[in-house]
Amino acid sequence: MPIYEYISEDQSKGCKVCSDGFELRRPIDRAPLTACPICKNPVLKLISSISTPKITKPLSVSDAKSAGFTVLEKRDEGTYEKL
């Protein structure tokens, strides 16, 4: 289930939870919240950052082989050689 972030439309009128913002796990097929579950003040859905895997270094031939991949190198037109 994805995590959604919400914050009060007017931070001065909301409770402590929605004024500071809160996260909520909800199924993707459910409609977004329109009101704080505690104080019923209107809330806005925030767009948050996503986490993506980062590759810090390029994979070497030995890394690929140890992971079980077959490494091929192009030699001529349409000809590949196994390393």
N, C-alpha and C. Protein backbone atom coordinates (compact mmCIF):
# COMPACT_ATOMS: atom_id res chain seq x y z
N MET A 1 0.84 -1.18 0.00
CA MET A 1 0.00 0.00 0.00
C MET A 1 0.88 1.24 0.00
N PRO A 2 0.54 2.23 -0.81
CA PRO A 2 1.34 3.46 -0.84
C PRO A 2 1.08 4.32 0.39
N ILE A 3 2.03 5.19 0.66
CA ILE A 3 1.91 6.14 1.77
C ILE A 3 1.63 7.51 1.17
N TYR A 4 0.56 8.15 1.64
CA TYR A 4 0.18 9.48 1.17
C TYR A 4 0.43 10.49 2.29
N GLU A 5 0.78 11.72 1.91
CA GLU A 5 1.01 12.79 2.87
C GLU A 5 -0.08 13.84 2.72
N TYR A 6 -0.57 14.32 3.85
CA TYR A 6 -1.62 15.34 3.88
C TYR A 6 -1.21 16.44 4.83
N ILE A 7 -1.75 17.65 4.58
CA ILE A 7 -1.54 18.80 5.47
C ILE A 7 -2.79 19.65 5.44
N SER A 8 -3.05 20.36 6.53
CA SER A 8 -4.23 21.20 6.65
C SER A 8 -4.19 22.34 5.63
N GLU A 9 -5.35 22.67 5.04
CA GLU A 9 -5.42 23.80 4.11
C GLU A 9 -5.07 25.10 4.84
N ASP A 10 -5.53 25.25 6.07
CA ASP A 10 -5.24 26.43 6.89
C ASP A 10 -4.61 25.95 8.20
N GLN A 11 -3.27 26.04 8.30
CA GLN A 11 -2.57 25.50 9.46
C GLN A 11 -3.00 26.13 10.78
N SER A 12 -3.52 27.35 10.77
CA SER A 12 -3.93 28.00 12.02
C SER A 12 -5.23 27.41 12.56
N LYS A 13 -6.04 26.79 11.71
CA LYS A 13 -7.32 26.24 12.16
C LYS A 13 -7.26 24.75 12.46
N GLY A 14 -6.25 24.06 11.97
CA GLY A 14 -6.18 22.61 12.13
C GLY A 14 -5.67 22.18 13.49
N CYS A 15 -5.83 20.89 13.77
CA CYS A 15 -5.29 20.33 15.01
C CYS A 15 -3.78 20.14 14.87
N LYS A 16 -3.12 19.69 15.91
CA LYS A 16 -1.67 19.50 15.89
C LYS A 16 -1.25 18.52 14.80
N VAL A 17 -2.04 17.49 14.57
CA VAL A 17 -1.70 16.46 13.59
C VAL A 17 -1.74 17.01 12.17
N CYS A 18 -2.84 17.63 11.77
CA CYS A 18 -2.96 18.08 10.38
C CYS A 18 -2.23 19.40 10.13
N SER A 19 -1.99 20.20 11.16
CA SER A 19 -1.23 21.44 10.98
C SER A 19 0.22 21.15 10.61
N ASP A 20 0.79 20.11 11.24
CA ASP A 20 2.18 19.72 10.96
C ASP A 20 2.28 18.81 9.75
N GLY A 21 1.18 18.20 9.37
CA GLY A 21 1.17 17.25 8.27
C GLY A 21 1.26 15.83 8.81
N PHE A 22 0.64 14.89 8.10
CA PHE A 22 0.67 13.49 8.53
C PHE A 22 0.72 12.58 7.32
N GLU A 23 1.17 11.35 7.57
CA GLU A 23 1.24 10.32 6.52
C GLU A 23 0.16 9.29 6.80
N LEU A 24 -0.36 8.70 5.72
CA LEU A 24 -1.41 7.72 5.86
C LEU A 24 -1.25 6.65 4.80
N ARG A 25 -1.28 5.39 5.23
CA ARG A 25 -1.23 4.27 4.27
C ARG A 25 -2.65 3.96 3.83
N ARG A 26 -2.87 4.03 2.52
CA ARG A 26 -4.21 3.77 1.98
C ARG A 26 -4.09 2.97 0.69
N PRO A 27 -5.08 2.12 0.41
CA PRO A 27 -5.07 1.43 -0.88
C PRO A 27 -5.13 2.43 -2.02
N ILE A 28 -4.54 2.05 -3.14
CA ILE A 28 -4.45 2.96 -4.28
C ILE A 28 -5.82 3.27 -4.89
N ASP A 29 -6.78 2.36 -4.75
CA ASP A 29 -8.08 2.54 -5.37
C ASP A 29 -9.05 3.37 -4.53
N ARG A 30 -8.65 3.78 -3.33
CA ARG A 30 -9.53 4.62 -2.50
C ARG A 30 -9.32 6.09 -2.82
N ALA A 31 -10.38 6.86 -2.68
CA ALA A 31 -10.31 8.30 -2.96
C ALA A 31 -9.45 8.99 -1.91
N PRO A 32 -8.76 10.09 -2.31
CA PRO A 32 -7.93 10.81 -1.32
C PRO A 32 -8.79 11.45 -0.24
N LEU A 33 -8.18 11.64 0.93
CA LEU A 33 -8.89 12.30 2.04
C LEU A 33 -9.21 13.75 1.69
N THR A 34 -10.32 14.22 2.19
CA THR A 34 -10.67 15.63 2.02
C THR A 34 -10.70 16.35 3.37
N ALA A 35 -10.75 15.57 4.46
CA ALA A 35 -10.81 16.16 5.80
C ALA A 35 -9.91 15.37 6.75
N CYS A 36 -9.40 16.05 7.75
CA CYS A 36 -8.57 15.42 8.78
C CYS A 36 -9.41 14.39 9.54
N PRO A 37 -8.88 13.19 9.78
CA PRO A 37 -9.67 12.19 10.50
C PRO A 37 -9.93 12.56 11.97
N ILE A 38 -9.16 13.50 12.53
CA ILE A 38 -9.32 13.86 13.94
C ILE A 38 -10.23 15.07 14.11
N CYS A 39 -9.88 16.19 13.43
CA CYS A 39 -10.63 17.44 13.65
C CYS A 39 -11.59 17.79 12.51
N LYS A 40 -11.60 17.03 11.45
CA LYS A 40 -12.47 17.22 10.28
C LYS A 40 -12.20 18.52 9.53
N ASN A 41 -11.03 19.13 9.73
CA ASN A 41 -10.62 20.32 8.99
C ASN A 41 -10.20 19.89 7.57
N PRO A 42 -10.47 20.68 6.53
CA PRO A 42 -10.08 20.30 5.16
C PRO A 42 -8.55 20.14 5.04
N VAL A 43 -8.13 19.11 4.32
CA VAL A 43 -6.71 18.83 4.13
C VAL A 43 -6.37 18.76 2.64
N LEU A 44 -5.10 18.99 2.34
CA LEU A 44 -4.58 18.89 0.97
C LEU A 44 -3.64 17.70 0.88
N LYS A 45 -3.69 17.01 -0.24
CA LYS A 45 -2.77 15.89 -0.48
C LYS A 45 -1.48 16.47 -1.03
N LEU A 46 -0.35 16.12 -0.41
CA LEU A 46 0.95 16.61 -0.84
C LEU A 46 1.58 15.65 -1.84
N ILE A 47 2.39 16.18 -2.70
CA ILE A 47 3.18 15.36 -3.60
C ILE A 47 4.52 15.15 -2.93
N SER A 48 4.85 13.91 -2.65
CA SER A 48 6.08 13.62 -1.94
C SER A 48 7.10 12.99 -2.87
N SER A 49 8.32 12.95 -2.42
CA SER A 49 9.39 12.37 -3.23
C SER A 49 9.29 10.85 -3.20
N ILE A 50 9.85 10.23 -4.21
CA ILE A 50 9.85 8.78 -4.26
C ILE A 50 11.26 8.27 -4.04
N SER A 51 11.37 7.05 -3.65
CA SER A 51 12.69 6.48 -3.44
C SER A 51 13.03 5.59 -4.63
N THR A 52 14.18 5.81 -5.19
CA THR A 52 14.64 5.02 -6.32
C THR A 52 16.00 4.44 -5.98
N PRO A 53 16.26 3.24 -6.45
CA PRO A 53 17.58 2.67 -6.17
C PRO A 53 18.66 3.44 -6.91
N LYS A 54 19.79 3.59 -6.27
CA LYS A 54 20.91 4.30 -6.89
C LYS A 54 22.07 3.33 -7.07
N ILE A 55 22.65 3.31 -8.24
CA ILE A 55 23.83 2.50 -8.50
C ILE A 55 25.02 3.44 -8.37
N THR A 56 25.86 3.16 -7.40
CA THR A 56 26.97 4.06 -7.13
C THR A 56 28.15 3.85 -8.07
N LYS A 57 28.26 2.65 -8.63
CA LYS A 57 29.35 2.39 -9.56
C LYS A 57 28.80 1.50 -10.68
N PRO A 58 29.37 1.58 -11.85
CA PRO A 58 28.91 0.69 -12.91
C PRO A 58 29.32 -0.75 -12.60
N LEU A 59 28.48 -1.68 -13.02
CA LEU A 59 28.80 -3.09 -12.79
C LEU A 59 29.95 -3.51 -13.69
N SER A 60 30.87 -4.25 -13.14
CA SER A 60 32.00 -4.75 -13.92
C SER A 60 31.63 -6.12 -14.50
N VAL A 61 32.47 -6.60 -15.38
CA VAL A 61 32.25 -7.92 -15.99
C VAL A 61 32.26 -8.99 -14.90
N SER A 62 33.19 -8.90 -13.96
CA SER A 62 33.26 -9.91 -12.89
C SER A 62 32.03 -9.85 -11.98
N ASP A 63 31.49 -8.64 -11.72
CA ASP A 63 30.26 -8.52 -10.93
C ASP A 63 29.09 -9.17 -11.64
N ALA A 64 29.00 -8.94 -12.95
CA ALA A 64 27.91 -9.53 -13.73
C ALA A 64 28.03 -11.05 -13.75
N LYS A 65 29.23 -11.57 -13.94
CA LYS A 65 29.43 -13.03 -13.97
C LYS A 65 29.12 -13.65 -12.61
N SER A 66 29.53 -13.00 -11.52
CA SER A 66 29.25 -13.55 -10.19
C SER A 66 27.76 -13.52 -9.86
N ALA A 67 27.02 -12.62 -10.52
CA ALA A 67 25.58 -12.56 -10.32
C ALA A 67 24.84 -13.55 -11.20
N GLY A 68 25.58 -14.28 -12.07
CA GLY A 68 24.96 -15.32 -12.89
C GLY A 68 24.62 -14.90 -14.30
N PHE A 69 25.04 -13.73 -14.73
CA PHE A 69 24.76 -13.26 -16.08
C PHE A 69 25.83 -13.73 -17.06
N THR A 70 25.44 -13.91 -18.30
CA THR A 70 26.39 -14.19 -19.37
C THR A 70 26.77 -12.86 -19.99
N VAL A 71 28.06 -12.60 -20.08
CA VAL A 71 28.54 -11.33 -20.61
C VAL A 71 29.02 -11.55 -22.04
N LEU A 72 28.46 -10.77 -22.95
CA LEU A 72 28.82 -10.84 -24.37
C LEU A 72 29.43 -9.51 -24.81
N GLU A 73 30.37 -9.58 -25.74
CA GLU A 73 30.98 -8.38 -26.29
C GLU A 73 30.86 -8.42 -27.80
N LYS A 74 30.45 -7.32 -28.41
CA LYS A 74 30.27 -7.26 -29.85
C LYS A 74 31.63 -7.19 -30.54
N ARG A 75 31.86 -8.09 -31.50
CA ARG A 75 33.13 -8.13 -32.22
C ARG A 75 32.98 -7.57 -33.63
N ASP A 76 32.12 -8.12 -34.42
CA ASP A 76 31.88 -7.67 -35.80
C ASP A 76 30.40 -7.39 -35.98
N GLU A 77 29.99 -7.14 -37.19
CA GLU A 77 28.59 -6.94 -37.49
C GLU A 77 27.78 -8.18 -37.12
N GLY A 78 27.00 -8.10 -36.06
CA GLY A 78 26.14 -9.21 -35.66
C GLY A 78 26.87 -10.37 -35.00
N THR A 79 28.13 -10.24 -34.67
CA THR A 79 28.89 -11.31 -34.04
C THR A 79 29.24 -10.91 -32.61
N TYR A 80 28.87 -11.75 -31.66
CA TYR A 80 29.18 -11.49 -30.27
C TYR A 80 30.05 -12.61 -29.72
N GLU A 81 30.95 -12.28 -28.83
CA GLU A 81 31.83 -13.26 -28.22
C GLU A 81 31.57 -13.29 -26.72
N LYS A 82 31.48 -14.50 -26.18
CA LYS A 82 31.25 -14.68 -24.75
C LYS A 82 32.55 -14.38 -24.00
N LEU A 83 32.47 -13.56 -22.96
CA LEU A 83 33.66 -13.23 -22.16
C LEU A 83 33.80 -14.17 -21.00
